[in-house]
Every structure is written in structure tokens, then in C-alpha cells.
Amino acid sequence: MRSSRPVTVTLGKQQSILDASLASGNYESASEVVRAALRALRRQDDILNEVMSEKIRESMQDSRADIPMSEVFAKLRARQLAKSQ
């Protein structure tokens, strides 16, 4: 039984990337290009999730005192105001 199904995709400006990938001879079909792109996207998402998880772990283990949100936003507003002047 087939586990995949046909999908119609409009690529727009990315069509030239697909065409170049096929012309290079590295891929035999548009499906191969799209599957490779989806695998690359999955790897990118996995890496980003791991980086973010590590940042969260580091933040949770940070022994410095918390800064009140109102103080953070006041400093950001002051910095933005200074930049605009």
C-alpha cells in the first residue's frame, strides 16, 4: 500500500532553485528535491530546538538575581528613545 500521496505545490520564485537542482544532475525528479529540502528543514528545526533547549537550561541554572519585567522594559524604552534622538 502506498504511504504517500500526490501533492500539488506552487513554488513561485523557488521554482528556479528546483530547476537548477534538477539541471545539476544531483536529483532525478522534483519529488527528490522536495524530499531533500524537507529533510534539511527537519534537521534545521532539530538543531534550533536543541539550541533553544540548551539556552533555556542555561537560563534556568543562572544564579543571578531576577530582574523585574518593569525594569527591563523601562531600560528598553530608554535605549530606544536614546537611539531615536
N, C-alpha and C. Protein backbone atom coordinates (compact mmCIF):
# COMPACT_ATOMS: atom_id res chain seq x y z
N MET A 1 0.84 -1.18 0.00
CA MET A 1 0.00 0.00 0.00
C MET A 1 0.88 1.25 0.00
N ARG A 2 0.53 2.21 -0.79
CA ARG A 2 1.30 3.44 -0.92
C ARG A 2 1.14 4.30 0.34
N SER A 3 2.27 4.72 0.92
CA SER A 3 2.22 5.53 2.15
C SER A 3 2.24 7.03 1.87
N SER A 4 2.47 7.41 0.62
CA SER A 4 2.49 8.83 0.27
C SER A 4 1.36 9.11 -0.72
N ARG A 5 1.09 10.39 -0.89
CA ARG A 5 0.04 10.78 -1.84
C ARG A 5 0.53 11.97 -2.64
N PRO A 6 0.03 12.12 -3.84
CA PRO A 6 0.43 13.26 -4.67
C PRO A 6 0.01 14.58 -4.02
N VAL A 7 0.87 15.58 -4.14
CA VAL A 7 0.60 16.91 -3.60
C VAL A 7 0.95 17.92 -4.68
N THR A 8 0.10 18.92 -4.84
CA THR A 8 0.39 19.99 -5.79
C THR A 8 0.99 21.16 -5.01
N VAL A 9 2.10 21.68 -5.49
CA VAL A 9 2.80 22.77 -4.81
C VAL A 9 3.09 23.87 -5.82
N THR A 10 2.81 25.11 -5.45
CA THR A 10 3.19 26.25 -6.26
C THR A 10 4.44 26.86 -5.65
N LEU A 11 5.53 26.85 -6.39
CA LEU A 11 6.82 27.27 -5.85
C LEU A 11 7.12 28.75 -6.03
N GLY A 12 6.53 29.37 -7.02
CA GLY A 12 6.82 30.77 -7.25
C GLY A 12 8.29 30.97 -7.58
N LYS A 13 8.94 31.90 -6.88
CA LYS A 13 10.35 32.23 -7.15
C LYS A 13 11.28 31.06 -6.87
N GLN A 14 10.87 30.13 -6.02
CA GLN A 14 11.71 28.98 -5.70
C GLN A 14 11.76 27.95 -6.83
N GLN A 15 10.92 28.11 -7.84
CA GLN A 15 10.93 27.19 -8.98
C GLN A 15 12.32 27.13 -9.62
N SER A 16 13.01 28.27 -9.68
CA SER A 16 14.34 28.29 -10.29
C SER A 16 15.34 27.45 -9.48
N ILE A 17 15.15 27.39 -8.18
CA ILE A 17 16.03 26.55 -7.35
C ILE A 17 15.80 25.08 -7.69
N LEU A 18 14.53 24.70 -7.81
CA LEU A 18 14.21 23.33 -8.16
C LEU A 18 14.77 23.00 -9.54
N ASP A 19 14.57 23.90 -10.50
CA ASP A 19 15.07 23.68 -11.85
C ASP A 19 16.59 23.52 -11.87
N ALA A 20 17.29 24.37 -11.13
CA ALA A 20 18.75 24.29 -11.07
C ALA A 20 19.20 22.99 -10.42
N SER A 21 18.47 22.56 -9.39
CA SER A 21 18.82 21.29 -8.73
C SER A 21 18.67 20.12 -9.69
N LEU A 22 17.62 20.14 -10.49
CA LEU A 22 17.42 19.08 -11.48
C LEU A 22 18.48 19.16 -12.58
N ALA A 23 18.79 20.37 -13.04
CA ALA A 23 19.78 20.55 -14.10
C ALA A 23 21.17 20.11 -13.66
N SER A 24 21.45 20.21 -12.37
CA SER A 24 22.77 19.83 -11.86
C SER A 24 23.01 18.33 -11.97
N GLY A 25 21.95 17.58 -12.09
CA GLY A 25 22.08 16.12 -12.15
C GLY A 25 22.13 15.47 -10.80
N ASN A 26 22.08 16.26 -9.74
CA ASN A 26 22.11 15.69 -8.39
C ASN A 26 20.79 15.03 -8.00
N TYR A 27 19.73 15.39 -8.68
CA TYR A 27 18.40 14.85 -8.40
C TYR A 27 17.76 14.42 -9.70
N GLU A 28 16.98 13.35 -9.65
CA GLU A 28 16.32 12.85 -10.85
C GLU A 28 14.89 13.34 -11.00
N SER A 29 14.31 13.88 -9.92
CA SER A 29 12.91 14.33 -10.00
C SER A 29 12.65 15.46 -9.03
N ALA A 30 11.58 16.19 -9.28
CA ALA A 30 11.16 17.26 -8.37
C ALA A 30 10.86 16.67 -6.99
N SER A 31 10.30 15.48 -6.96
CA SER A 31 9.99 14.83 -5.68
C SER A 31 11.25 14.63 -4.84
N GLU A 32 12.34 14.21 -5.49
CA GLU A 32 13.60 14.03 -4.76
C GLU A 32 14.09 15.35 -4.17
N VAL A 33 13.97 16.43 -4.95
CA VAL A 33 14.41 17.75 -4.48
C VAL A 33 13.58 18.16 -3.27
N VAL A 34 12.27 18.01 -3.37
CA VAL A 34 11.38 18.41 -2.27
C VAL A 34 11.64 17.56 -1.04
N ARG A 35 11.82 16.25 -1.21
CA ARG A 35 12.11 15.39 -0.05
C ARG A 35 13.43 15.80 0.62
N ALA A 36 14.45 16.11 -0.20
CA ALA A 36 15.74 16.55 0.37
C ALA A 36 15.57 17.87 1.12
N ALA A 37 14.77 18.77 0.55
CA ALA A 37 14.54 20.06 1.22
C ALA A 37 13.80 19.86 2.54
N LEU A 38 12.84 18.96 2.57
CA LEU A 38 12.11 18.70 3.81
C LEU A 38 13.00 18.05 4.86
N ARG A 39 13.90 17.16 4.42
CA ARG A 39 14.86 16.57 5.37
C ARG A 39 15.77 17.66 5.94
N ALA A 40 16.23 18.58 5.09
CA ALA A 40 17.09 19.67 5.55
C ALA A 40 16.33 20.57 6.53
N LEU A 41 15.07 20.83 6.24
CA LEU A 41 14.24 21.64 7.14
C LEU A 41 14.09 20.94 8.48
N ARG A 42 13.88 19.65 8.47
CA ARG A 42 13.76 18.88 9.72
C ARG A 42 15.05 18.97 10.53
N ARG A 43 16.20 18.80 9.85
CA ARG A 43 17.49 18.90 10.55
C ARG A 43 17.67 20.29 11.15
N GLN A 44 17.31 21.32 10.39
CA GLN A 44 17.42 22.69 10.88
C GLN A 44 16.53 22.90 12.10
N ASP A 45 15.31 22.41 12.03
CA ASP A 45 14.39 22.54 13.17
C ASP A 45 14.91 21.79 14.39
N ASP A 46 15.45 20.59 14.18
CA ASP A 46 16.00 19.81 15.29
C ASP A 46 17.16 20.55 15.95
N ILE A 47 18.04 21.14 15.13
CA ILE A 47 19.18 21.89 15.67
C ILE A 47 18.70 23.11 16.43
N LEU A 48 17.77 23.85 15.85
CA LEU A 48 17.23 25.03 16.52
C LEU A 48 16.57 24.66 17.84
N ASN A 49 15.79 23.59 17.85
CA ASN A 49 15.15 23.15 19.09
C ASN A 49 16.18 22.78 20.14
N GLU A 50 17.25 22.12 19.74
CA GLU A 50 18.29 21.74 20.70
C GLU A 50 19.00 22.98 21.25
N VAL A 51 19.31 23.94 20.38
CA VAL A 51 19.96 25.18 20.82
C VAL A 51 19.05 25.92 21.80
N MET A 52 17.78 26.03 21.46
CA MET A 52 16.84 26.73 22.35
C MET A 52 16.69 26.00 23.67
N SER A 53 16.63 24.68 23.63
CA SER A 53 16.53 23.89 24.87
C SER A 53 17.75 24.12 25.75
N GLU A 54 18.92 24.17 25.13
CA GLU A 54 20.15 24.41 25.89
C GLU A 54 20.13 25.81 26.50
N LYS A 55 19.70 26.80 25.73
CA LYS A 55 19.61 28.17 26.26
C LYS A 55 18.64 28.23 27.44
N ILE A 56 17.53 27.53 27.33
CA ILE A 56 16.56 27.51 28.43
C ILE A 56 17.18 26.84 29.66
N ARG A 57 17.87 25.70 29.45
CA ARG A 57 18.54 25.03 30.58
C ARG A 57 19.54 25.97 31.25
N GLU A 58 20.35 26.66 30.42
CA GLU A 58 21.33 27.60 30.97
C GLU A 58 20.64 28.71 31.76
N SER A 59 19.57 29.22 31.21
CA SER A 59 18.83 30.29 31.87
C SER A 59 18.26 29.83 33.21
N MET A 60 17.73 28.63 33.23
CA MET A 60 17.14 28.10 34.46
C MET A 60 18.20 27.86 35.54
N GLN A 61 19.43 27.61 35.12
CA GLN A 61 20.51 27.35 36.07
C GLN A 61 21.27 28.62 36.45
N ASP A 62 20.93 29.74 35.84
CA ASP A 62 21.61 31.01 36.11
C ASP A 62 21.33 31.44 37.55
N SER A 63 22.39 31.68 38.29
CA SER A 63 22.24 32.02 39.71
C SER A 63 22.06 33.52 39.96
N ARG A 64 22.14 34.32 38.91
CA ARG A 64 21.96 35.76 39.09
C ARG A 64 20.52 36.06 39.49
N ALA A 65 20.34 37.17 40.18
CA ALA A 65 19.01 37.56 40.62
C ALA A 65 18.12 37.92 39.43
N ASP A 66 16.83 37.65 39.57
CA ASP A 66 15.87 38.02 38.53
C ASP A 66 15.75 39.53 38.46
N ILE A 67 15.45 40.02 37.26
CA ILE A 67 15.23 41.45 37.05
C ILE A 67 13.73 41.63 36.81
N PRO A 68 13.09 42.52 37.54
CA PRO A 68 11.66 42.73 37.33
C PRO A 68 11.38 43.18 35.89
N MET A 69 10.28 42.69 35.34
CA MET A 69 9.91 43.00 33.96
C MET A 69 9.78 44.50 33.74
N SER A 70 9.22 45.19 34.70
CA SER A 70 9.04 46.64 34.54
C SER A 70 10.39 47.34 34.37
N GLU A 71 11.40 46.87 35.07
CA GLU A 71 12.75 47.45 34.95
C GLU A 71 13.34 47.16 33.57
N VAL A 72 13.15 45.95 33.10
CA VAL A 72 13.67 45.58 31.78
C VAL A 72 13.04 46.46 30.71
N PHE A 73 11.71 46.60 30.74
CA PHE A 73 11.03 47.40 29.73
C PHE A 73 11.38 48.88 29.85
N ALA A 74 11.58 49.37 31.05
CA ALA A 74 11.98 50.77 31.23
C ALA A 74 13.35 51.01 30.58
N LYS A 75 14.27 50.07 30.77
CA LYS A 75 15.60 50.20 30.17
C LYS A 75 15.51 50.12 28.64
N LEU A 76 14.66 49.23 28.13
CA LEU A 76 14.50 49.12 26.68
C LEU A 76 13.89 50.39 26.09
N ARG A 77 12.89 50.95 26.76
CA ARG A 77 12.29 52.20 26.29
C ARG A 77 13.32 53.32 26.28
N ALA A 78 14.12 53.42 27.34
CA ALA A 78 15.14 54.47 27.43
C ALA A 78 16.18 54.29 26.32
N ARG A 79 16.57 53.07 26.04
CA ARG A 79 17.55 52.80 24.98
C ARG A 79 16.96 53.17 23.62
N GLN A 80 15.71 52.81 23.38
CA GLN A 80 15.06 53.14 22.12
C GLN A 80 14.92 54.65 21.96
N LEU A 81 14.56 55.32 23.03
CA LEU A 81 14.42 56.78 22.99
C LEU A 81 15.75 57.44 22.68
N ALA A 82 16.83 56.94 23.28
CA ALA A 82 18.16 57.49 23.05
C ALA A 82 18.58 57.30 21.58
N LYS A 83 18.21 56.17 20.99
CA LYS A 83 18.56 55.91 19.60
C LYS A 83 17.81 56.82 18.65
N SER A 84 16.57 57.16 19.01
CA SER A 84 15.75 57.96 18.11
C SER A 84 16.06 59.45 18.18
N GLN A 85 16.90 59.86 19.11
CA GLN A 85 17.21 61.30 19.25
C GLN A 85 18.48 61.65 18.56
